[in-house]
Amino acid sequence: MPKTDTLTVRIDPKVKKNAMKIFEKMGMTASEAVTLYFTQVSAEKGLPFRPHIPNAGTERVIQEAMAGKNLKSFDTLKDLLKDLELPDA
């Protein structure tokens, strides 16, 4: 499909820089990424993700995780399931 429209947006330079690095790793241009986003919005008839604002508890846990606090790691899936008190998968 020929490209015949132009879109001009204002965006935080840091956000743009970070996104551009990701697009480059994926082998995409910003134009291709925006086209993909608009295509998904059209196909989904809405945003292709669920936007939300975390509640206070979720925000606290996110901040702790970002700071490396209260994290657990497991050597095996069985160990994880045991910690979660789930039957073996």
PDB file of N, CA and C in Angstrom:
ATOM      1  N   MET A   1       0.853  -1.170   0.000  1.00  0.00           N
ATOM      2  CA  MET A   1       0.000   0.000   0.000  1.00  0.00           C
ATOM      3  C   MET A   1       0.897   1.231   0.000  1.00  0.00           C
ATOM      4  N   PRO A   2       0.666   2.171  -0.921  1.00  0.00           N
ATOM      5  CA  PRO A   2       1.520   3.367  -0.955  1.00  0.00           C
ATOM      6  C   PRO A   2       1.281   4.254   0.264  1.00  0.00           C
ATOM      7  N   LYS A   3       2.345   4.821   0.738  1.00  0.00           N
ATOM      8  CA  LYS A   3       2.257   5.722   1.890  1.00  0.00           C
ATOM      9  C   LYS A   3       1.997   7.130   1.379  1.00  0.00           C
ATOM     10  N   THR A   4       0.867   7.708   1.774  1.00  0.00           N
ATOM     11  CA  THR A   4       0.508   9.020   1.246  1.00  0.00           C
ATOM     12  C   THR A   4       0.219  10.039   2.321  1.00  0.00           C
ATOM     13  N   ASP A   5       0.226   9.635   3.586  1.00  0.00           N
ATOM     14  CA  ASP A   5      -0.055  10.559   4.675  1.00  0.00           C
ATOM     15  C   ASP A   5       1.165  10.728   5.563  1.00  0.00           C
ATOM     16  N   THR A   6       1.234  11.865   6.214  1.00  0.00           N
ATOM     17  CA  THR A   6       2.318  12.149   7.141  1.00  0.00           C
ATOM     18  C   THR A   6       1.735  12.394   8.517  1.00  0.00           C
ATOM     19  N   LEU A   7       2.429  11.916   9.538  1.00  0.00           N
ATOM     20  CA  LEU A   7       2.014  12.103  10.927  1.00  0.00           C
ATOM     21  C   LEU A   7       3.169  12.781  11.652  1.00  0.00           C
ATOM     22  N   THR A   8       2.886  13.883  12.309  1.00  0.00           N
ATOM     23  CA  THR A   8       3.892  14.575  13.099  1.00  0.00           C
ATOM     24  C   THR A   8       3.478  14.492  14.559  1.00  0.00           C
ATOM     25  N   VAL A   9       4.391  14.043  15.420  1.00  0.00           N
ATOM     26  CA  VAL A   9       4.081  13.910  16.848  1.00  0.00           C
ATOM     27  C   VAL A   9       5.192  14.537  17.674  1.00  0.00           C
ATOM     28  N   ARG A  10       4.850  14.934  18.874  1.00  0.00           N
ATOM     29  CA  ARG A  10       5.834  15.416  19.839  1.00  0.00           C
ATOM     30  C   ARG A  10       5.964  14.327  20.900  1.00  0.00           C
ATOM     31  N   ILE A  11       7.215  13.982  21.212  1.00  0.00           N
ATOM     32  CA  ILE A  11       7.465  12.889  22.149  1.00  0.00           C
ATOM     33  C   ILE A  11       8.695  13.208  22.978  1.00  0.00           C
ATOM     34  N   ASP A  12       8.714  12.723  24.195  1.00  0.00           N
ATOM     35  CA  ASP A  12       9.862  12.905  25.079  1.00  0.00           C
ATOM     36  C   ASP A  12      11.097  12.320  24.388  1.00  0.00           C
ATOM     37  N   PRO A  13      12.183  13.082  24.288  1.00  0.00           N
ATOM     38  CA  PRO A  13      13.386  12.604  23.601  1.00  0.00           C
ATOM     39  C   PRO A  13      13.949  11.298  24.166  1.00  0.00           C
ATOM     40  N   LYS A  14      13.853  11.103  25.483  1.00  0.00           N
ATOM     41  CA  LYS A  14      14.355   9.867  26.085  1.00  0.00           C
ATOM     42  C   LYS A  14      13.517   8.674  25.636  1.00  0.00           C
ATOM     43  N   VAL A  15      12.207   8.853  25.601  1.00  0.00           N
ATOM     44  CA  VAL A  15      11.313   7.783  25.156  1.00  0.00           C
ATOM     45  C   VAL A  15      11.618   7.434  23.700  1.00  0.00           C
ATOM     46  N   LYS A  16      11.791   8.458  22.887  1.00  0.00           N
ATOM     47  CA  LYS A  16      12.102   8.239  21.474  1.00  0.00           C
ATOM     48  C   LYS A  16      13.417   7.481  21.319  1.00  0.00           C
ATOM     49  N   LYS A  17      14.455   7.915  22.025  1.00  0.00           N
ATOM     50  CA  LYS A  17      15.769   7.289  21.924  1.00  0.00           C
ATOM     51  C   LYS A  17      15.701   5.816  22.309  1.00  0.00           C
ATOM     52  N   ASN A  18      15.023   5.514  23.419  1.00  0.00           N
ATOM     53  CA  ASN A  18      14.904   4.129  23.873  1.00  0.00           C
ATOM     54  C   ASN A  18      14.122   3.289  22.867  1.00  0.00           C
ATOM     55  N   ALA A  19      13.026   3.830  22.358  1.00  0.00           N
ATOM     56  CA  ALA A  19      12.216   3.099  21.389  1.00  0.00           C
ATOM     57  C   ALA A  19      12.989   2.870  20.097  1.00  0.00           C
ATOM     58  N   MET A  20      13.728   3.869  19.660  1.00  0.00           N
ATOM     59  CA  MET A  20      14.494   3.735  18.420  1.00  0.00           C
ATOM     60  C   MET A  20      15.530   2.609  18.527  1.00  0.00           C
ATOM     61  N   LYS A  21      16.152   2.473  19.699  1.00  0.00           N
ATOM     62  CA  LYS A  21      17.114   1.387  19.913  1.00  0.00           C
ATOM     63  C   LYS A  21      16.421   0.030  19.769  1.00  0.00           C
ATOM     64  N   ILE A  22      15.237  -0.083  20.326  1.00  0.00           N
ATOM     65  CA  ILE A  22      14.488  -1.334  20.252  1.00  0.00           C
ATOM     66  C   ILE A  22      14.068  -1.614  18.816  1.00  0.00           C
ATOM     67  N   PHE A  23      13.552  -0.599  18.122  1.00  0.00           N
ATOM     68  CA  PHE A  23      13.162  -0.785  16.722  1.00  0.00           C
ATOM     69  C   PHE A  23      14.360  -1.252  15.894  1.00  0.00           C
ATOM     70  N   GLU A  24      15.526  -0.644  16.140  1.00  0.00           N
ATOM     71  CA  GLU A  24      16.726  -1.008  15.387  1.00  0.00           C
ATOM     72  C   GLU A  24      17.080  -2.477  15.618  1.00  0.00           C
ATOM     73  N   LYS A  25      17.009  -2.925  16.880  1.00  0.00           N
ATOM     74  CA  LYS A  25      17.296  -4.326  17.193  1.00  0.00           C
ATOM     75  C   LYS A  25      16.311  -5.263  16.505  1.00  0.00           C
ATOM     76  N   MET A  26      15.094  -4.780  16.286  1.00  0.00           N
ATOM     77  CA  MET A  26      14.062  -5.588  15.638  1.00  0.00           C
ATOM     78  C   MET A  26      14.116  -5.460  14.118  1.00  0.00           C
ATOM     79  N   GLY A  27      15.007  -4.602  13.620  1.00  0.00           N
ATOM     80  CA  GLY A  27      15.124  -4.405  12.179  1.00  0.00           C
ATOM     81  C   GLY A  27      13.992  -3.567  11.608  1.00  0.00           C
ATOM     82  N   MET A  28      13.449  -2.678  12.421  1.00  0.00           N
ATOM     83  CA  MET A  28      12.333  -1.834  11.991  1.00  0.00           C
ATOM     84  C   MET A  28      12.716  -0.367  12.042  1.00  0.00           C
ATOM     85  N   THR A  29      12.072   0.407  11.192  1.00  0.00           N
ATOM     86  CA  THR A  29      12.184   1.862  11.288  1.00  0.00           C
ATOM     87  C   THR A  29      11.060   2.361  12.184  1.00  0.00           C
ATOM     88  N   ALA A  30      11.171   3.598  12.634  1.00  0.00           N
ATOM     89  CA  ALA A  30      10.096   4.196  13.433  1.00  0.00           C
ATOM     90  C   ALA A  30       8.813   4.247  12.614  1.00  0.00           C
ATOM     91  N   SER A  31       8.935   4.540  11.344  1.00  0.00           N
ATOM     92  CA  SER A  31       7.765   4.596  10.470  1.00  0.00           C
ATOM     93  C   SER A  31       7.073   3.236  10.397  1.00  0.00           C
ATOM     94  N   GLU A  32       7.867   2.177  10.266  1.00  0.00           N
ATOM     95  CA  GLU A  32       7.290   0.832  10.229  1.00  0.00           C
ATOM     96  C   GLU A  32       6.626   0.478  11.550  1.00  0.00           C
ATOM     97  N   ALA A  33       7.243   0.874  12.663  1.00  0.00           N
ATOM     98  CA  ALA A  33       6.672   0.590  13.977  1.00  0.00           C
ATOM     99  C   ALA A  33       5.343   1.328  14.175  1.00  0.00           C
ATOM    100  N   VAL A  34       5.292   2.585  13.772  1.00  0.00           N
ATOM    101  CA  VAL A  34       4.051   3.352  13.901  1.00  0.00           C
ATOM    102  C   VAL A  34       2.980   2.769  12.985  1.00  0.00           C
ATOM    103  N   THR A  35       3.369   2.369  11.784  1.00  0.00           N
ATOM    104  CA  THR A  35       2.413   1.741  10.862  1.00  0.00           C
ATOM    105  C   THR A  35       1.873   0.450  11.470  1.00  0.00           C
ATOM    106  N   LEU A  36       2.747  -0.348  12.074  1.00  0.00           N
ATOM    107  CA  LEU A  36       2.326  -1.579  12.725  1.00  0.00           C
ATOM    108  C   LEU A  36       1.348  -1.270  13.858  1.00  0.00           C
ATOM    109  N   TYR A  37       1.660  -0.274  14.665  1.00  0.00           N
ATOM    110  CA  TYR A  37       0.783   0.125  15.771  1.00  0.00           C
ATOM    111  C   TYR A  37      -0.590   0.539  15.240  1.00  0.00           C
ATOM    112  N   PHE A  38      -0.625   1.401  14.244  1.00  0.00           N
ATOM    113  CA  PHE A  38      -1.894   1.860  13.685  1.00  0.00           C
ATOM    114  C   PHE A  38      -2.676   0.698  13.063  1.00  0.00           C
ATOM    115  N   THR A  39      -1.961  -0.242  12.442  1.00  0.00           N
ATOM    116  CA  THR A  39      -2.611  -1.419  11.859  1.00  0.00           C
ATOM    117  C   THR A  39      -3.264  -2.253  12.953  1.00  0.00           C
ATOM    118  N   GLN A  40      -2.572  -2.425  14.061  1.00  0.00           N
ATOM    119  CA  GLN A  40      -3.137  -3.192  15.179  1.00  0.00           C
ATOM    120  C   GLN A  40      -4.330  -2.473  15.815  1.00  0.00           C
ATOM    121  N   VAL A  41      -4.235  -1.166  15.962  1.00  0.00           N
ATOM    122  CA  VAL A  41      -5.364  -0.393  16.499  1.00  0.00           C
ATOM    123  C   VAL A  41      -6.584  -0.584  15.600  1.00  0.00           C
ATOM    124  N   SER A  42      -6.363  -0.520  14.280  1.00  0.00           N
ATOM    125  CA  SER A  42      -7.464  -0.709  13.329  1.00  0.00           C
ATOM    126  C   SER A  42      -8.039  -2.118  13.433  1.00  0.00           C
ATOM    127  N   ALA A  43      -7.178  -3.115  13.500  1.00  0.00           N
ATOM    128  CA  ALA A  43      -7.631  -4.504  13.563  1.00  0.00           C
ATOM    129  C   ALA A  43      -8.378  -4.799  14.857  1.00  0.00           C
ATOM    130  N   GLU A  44      -7.883  -4.267  15.966  1.00  0.00           N
ATOM    131  CA  GLU A  44      -8.485  -4.513  17.280  1.00  0.00           C
ATOM    132  C   GLU A  44      -9.670  -3.589  17.559  1.00  0.00           C
ATOM    133  N   LYS A  45      -9.790  -2.553  16.743  1.00  0.00           N
ATOM    134  CA  LYS A  45     -10.812  -1.510  16.969  1.00  0.00           C
ATOM    135  C   LYS A  45     -10.648  -0.898  18.367  1.00  0.00           C
ATOM    136  N   GLY A  46      -9.388  -0.701  18.728  1.00  0.00           N
ATOM    137  CA  GLY A  46      -9.025  -0.127  20.020  1.00  0.00           C
ATOM    138  C   GLY A  46      -7.531  -0.305  20.222  1.00  0.00           C
ATOM    139  N   LEU A  47      -7.062   0.040  21.396  1.00  0.00           N
ATOM    140  CA  LEU A  47      -5.636  -0.108  21.681  1.00  0.00           C
ATOM    141  C   LEU A  47      -5.260  -1.581  21.718  1.00  0.00           C
ATOM    142  N   PRO A  48      -4.091  -1.938  21.179  1.00  0.00           N
ATOM    143  CA  PRO A  48      -3.686  -3.346  21.161  1.00  0.00           C
ATOM    144  C   PRO A  48      -3.073  -3.817  22.486  1.00  0.00           C
ATOM    145  N   PHE A  49      -3.353  -3.099  23.552  1.00  0.00           N
ATOM    146  CA  PHE A  49      -2.922  -3.473  24.890  1.00  0.00           C
ATOM    147  C   PHE A  49      -3.917  -2.871  25.864  1.00  0.00           C
ATOM    148  N   ARG A  50      -3.918  -3.356  27.080  1.00  0.00           N
ATOM    149  CA  ARG A  50      -4.856  -2.874  28.088  1.00  0.00           C
ATOM    150  C   ARG A  50      -4.164  -1.837  28.970  1.00  0.00           C
ATOM    151  N   PRO A  51      -4.458  -0.554  28.755  1.00  0.00           N
ATOM    152  CA  PRO A  51      -3.830   0.458  29.612  1.00  0.00           C
ATOM    153  C   PRO A  51      -4.461   0.437  31.004  1.00  0.00           C
ATOM    154  N   HIS A  52      -3.653   0.636  31.999  1.00  0.00           N
ATOM    155  CA  HIS A  52      -4.181   0.680  33.354  1.00  0.00           C
ATOM    156  C   HIS A  52      -3.221   1.453  34.254  1.00  0.00           C
ATOM    157  N   ILE A  53      -3.772   1.907  35.338  1.00  0.00           N
ATOM    158  CA  ILE A  53      -2.976   2.589  36.352  1.00  0.00           C
ATOM    159  C   ILE A  53      -2.898   1.645  37.542  1.00  0.00           C
ATOM    160  N   PRO A  54      -1.696   1.227  37.933  1.00  0.00           N
ATOM    161  CA  PRO A  54      -1.597   0.277  39.041  1.00  0.00           C
ATOM    162  C   PRO A  54      -2.120   0.858  40.344  1.00  0.00           C
ATOM    163  N   ASN A  55      -2.741  -0.002  41.153  1.00  0.00           N
ATOM    164  CA  ASN A  55      -3.183   0.456  42.473  1.00  0.00           C
ATOM    165  C   ASN A  55      -1.959   0.618  43.371  1.00  0.00           C
ATOM    166  N   ALA A  56      -2.154   1.126  44.567  1.00  0.00           N
ATOM    167  CA  ALA A  56      -1.036   1.436  45.464  1.00  0.00           C
ATOM    168  C   ALA A  56      -0.202   0.200  45.787  1.00  0.00           C
ATOM    169  N   GLY A  57      -0.863  -0.934  46.016  1.00  0.00           N
ATOM    170  CA  GLY A  57      -0.136  -2.161  46.336  1.00  0.00           C
ATOM    171  C   GLY A  57       0.716  -2.634  45.173  1.00  0.00           C
ATOM    172  N   THR A  58       0.150  -2.604  43.991  1.00  0.00           N
ATOM    173  CA  THR A  58       0.890  -3.015  42.804  1.00  0.00           C
ATOM    174  C   THR A  58       2.050  -2.067  42.547  1.00  0.00           C
ATOM    175  N   GLU A  59       1.821  -0.793  42.696  1.00  0.00           N
ATOM    176  CA  GLU A  59       2.881   0.202  42.498  1.00  0.00           C
ATOM    177  C   GLU A  59       4.035  -0.036  43.470  1.00  0.00           C
ATOM    178  N   ARG A  60       3.713  -0.354  44.728  1.00  0.00           N
ATOM    179  CA  ARG A  60       4.744  -0.625  45.738  1.00  0.00           C
ATOM    180  C   ARG A  60       5.576  -1.837  45.331  1.00  0.00           C
ATOM    181  N   VAL A  61       4.906  -2.907  44.898  1.00  0.00           N
ATOM    182  CA  VAL A  61       5.610  -4.120  44.499  1.00  0.00           C
ATOM    183  C   VAL A  61       6.486  -3.864  43.268  1.00  0.00           C
ATOM    184  N   ILE A  62       5.982  -3.085  42.329  1.00  0.00           N
ATOM    185  CA  ILE A  62       6.772  -2.736  41.146  1.00  0.00           C
ATOM    186  C   ILE A  62       8.036  -1.987  41.559  1.00  0.00           C
ATOM    187  N   GLN A  63       7.889  -1.006  42.440  1.00  0.00           N
ATOM    188  CA  GLN A  63       9.040  -0.222  42.893  1.00  0.00           C
ATOM    189  C   GLN A  63      10.051  -1.106  43.629  1.00  0.00           C
ATOM    190  N   GLU A  64       9.549  -2.028  44.462  1.00  0.00           N
ATOM    191  CA  GLU A  64      10.457  -2.941  45.171  1.00  0.00           C
ATOM    192  C   GLU A  64      11.211  -3.825  44.175  1.00  0.00           C
ATOM    193  N   ALA A  65      10.507  -4.355  43.209  1.00  0.00           N
ATOM    194  CA  ALA A  65      11.149  -5.222  42.218  1.00  0.00           C
ATOM    195  C   ALA A  65      12.195  -4.451  41.425  1.00  0.00           C
ATOM    196  N   MET A  66      11.876  -3.221  41.041  1.00  0.00           N
ATOM    197  CA  MET A  66      12.827  -2.395  40.293  1.00  0.00           C
ATOM    198  C   MET A  66      14.081  -2.128  41.126  1.00  0.00           C
ATOM    199  N   ALA A  67      13.907  -2.075  42.455  1.00  0.00           N
ATOM    200  CA  ALA A  67      15.034  -1.835  43.355  1.00  0.00           C
ATOM    201  C   ALA A  67      15.732  -3.140  43.749  1.00  0.00           C
ATOM    202  N   GLY A  68      15.228  -4.273  43.260  1.00  0.00           N
ATOM    203  CA  GLY A  68      15.843  -5.560  43.571  1.00  0.00           C
ATOM    204  C   GLY A  68      15.484  -6.100  44.938  1.00  0.00           C
ATOM    205  N   LYS A  69      14.407  -5.607  45.532  1.00  0.00           N
ATOM    206  CA  LYS A  69      13.996  -6.047  46.867  1.00  0.00           C
ATOM    207  C   LYS A  69      12.910  -7.119  46.780  1.00  0.00           C
ATOM    208  N   ASN A  70      12.927  -8.019  47.764  1.00  0.00           N
ATOM    209  CA  ASN A  70      11.890  -9.046  47.913  1.00  0.00           C
ATOM    210  C   ASN A  70      11.719  -9.915  46.673  1.00  0.00           C
ATOM    211  N   LEU A  71      12.815 -10.224  45.982  1.00  0.00           N
ATOM    212  CA  LEU A  71      12.756 -11.080  44.808  1.00  0.00           C
ATOM    213  C   LEU A  71      13.157 -12.501  45.188  1.00  0.00           C
ATOM    214  N   LYS A  72      12.546 -13.472  44.530  1.00  0.00           N
ATOM    215  CA  LYS A  72      12.892 -14.871  44.744  1.00  0.00           C
ATOM    216  C   LYS A  72      13.358 -15.451  43.420  1.00  0.00           C
ATOM    217  N   SER A  73      14.237 -16.432  43.493  1.00  0.00           N
ATOM    218  CA  SER A  73      14.617 -17.165  42.293  1.00  0.00           C
ATOM    219  C   SER A  73      14.595 -18.650  42.635  1.00  0.00           C
ATOM    220  N   PHE A  74      14.418 -19.457  41.610  1.00  0.00           N
ATOM    221  CA  PHE A  74      14.297 -20.895  41.798  1.00  0.00           C
ATOM    222  C   PHE A  74      15.160 -21.617  40.780  1.00  0.00           C
ATOM    223  N   ASP A  75      15.694 -22.763  41.186  1.00  0.00           N
ATOM    224  CA  ASP A  75      16.531 -23.555  40.287  1.00  0.00           C
ATOM    225  C   ASP A  75      15.703 -24.404  39.338  1.00  0.00           C
ATOM    226  N   THR A  76      14.511 -24.795  39.790  1.00  0.00           N
ATOM    227  CA  THR A  76      13.675 -25.653  38.954  1.00  0.00           C
ATOM    228  C   THR A  76      12.222 -25.195  39.012  1.00  0.00           C
ATOM    229  N   LEU A  77      11.447 -25.633  38.035  1.00  0.00           N
ATOM    230  CA  LEU A  77      10.013 -25.357  38.031  1.00  0.00           C
ATOM    231  C   LEU A  77       9.357 -25.995  39.245  1.00  0.00           C
ATOM    232  N   LYS A  78       9.814 -27.184  39.609  1.00  0.00           N
ATOM    233  CA  LYS A  78       9.256 -27.882  40.768  1.00  0.00           C
ATOM    234  C   LYS A  78       9.422 -27.041  42.038  1.00  0.00           C
ATOM    235  N   ASP A  79      10.591 -26.428  42.199  1.00  0.00           N
ATOM    236  CA  ASP A  79      10.830 -25.563  43.359  1.00  0.00           C
ATOM    237  C   ASP A  79       9.880 -24.363  43.359  1.00  0.00           C
ATOM    238  N   LEU A  80       9.665 -23.777  42.183  1.00  0.00           N
ATOM    239  CA  LEU A  80       8.738 -22.653  42.074  1.00  0.00           C
ATOM    240  C   LEU A  80       7.330 -23.082  42.446  1.00  0.00           C
ATOM    241  N   LEU A  81       6.882 -24.204  41.883  1.00  0.00           N
ATOM    242  CA  LEU A  81       5.527 -24.684  42.176  1.00  0.00           C
ATOM    243  C   LEU A  81       5.355 -25.009  43.655  1.00  0.00           C
ATOM    244  N   LYS A  82       6.399 -25.569  44.266  1.00  0.00           N
ATOM    245  CA  LYS A  82       6.349 -25.857  45.698  1.00  0.00           C
ATOM    246  C   LYS A  82       6.177 -24.567  46.495  1.00  0.00           C
ATOM    247  N   ASP A  83       6.919 -23.530  46.118  1.00  0.00           N
ATOM    248  CA  ASP A  83       6.803 -22.253  46.806  1.00  0.00           C
ATOM    249  C   ASP A  83       5.417 -21.647  46.629  1.00  0.00           C
ATOM    250  N   LEU A  84       4.840 -21.841  45.441  1.00  0.00           N
ATOM    251  CA  LEU A  84       3.494 -21.326  45.170  1.00  0.00           C
ATOM    252  C   LEU A  84       2.395 -22.221  45.727  1.00  0.00           C
ATOM    253  N   GLU A  85       2.824 -23.366  46.274  1.00  0.00           N
ATOM    254  CA  GLU A  85       1.906 -24.372  46.803  1.00  0.00           C
ATOM    255  C   GLU A  85       0.963 -24.880  45.731  1.00  0.00           C
ATOM    256  N   LEU A  86       1.519 -25.135  44.523  1.00  0.00           N
ATOM    257  CA  LEU A  86       0.760 -25.688  43.405  1.00  0.00           C
ATOM    258  C   LEU A  86       1.222 -27.116  43.157  1.00  0.00           C
ATOM    259  N   PRO A  87       0.328 -27.956  42.635  1.00  0.00           N
ATOM    260  CA  PRO A  87       0.770 -29.314  42.309  1.00  0.00           C
ATOM    261  C   PRO A  87       1.765 -29.269  41.155  1.00  0.00           C
ATOM    262  N   ASP A  88       2.599 -30.284  41.074  1.00  0.00           N
ATOM    263  CA  ASP A  88       3.583 -30.352  39.983  1.00  0.00           C
ATOM    264  C   ASP A  88       2.892 -30.268  38.635  1.00  0.00           C
ATOM    265  N   ALA A  89       3.544 -29.571  37.688  1.00  0.00           N
ATOM    266  CA  ALA A  89       2.989 -29.459  36.337  1.00  0.00           C
ATOM    267  C   ALA A  89       3.410 -30.628  35.501  1.00  0.00           C
TER     268      ALA A  89
END
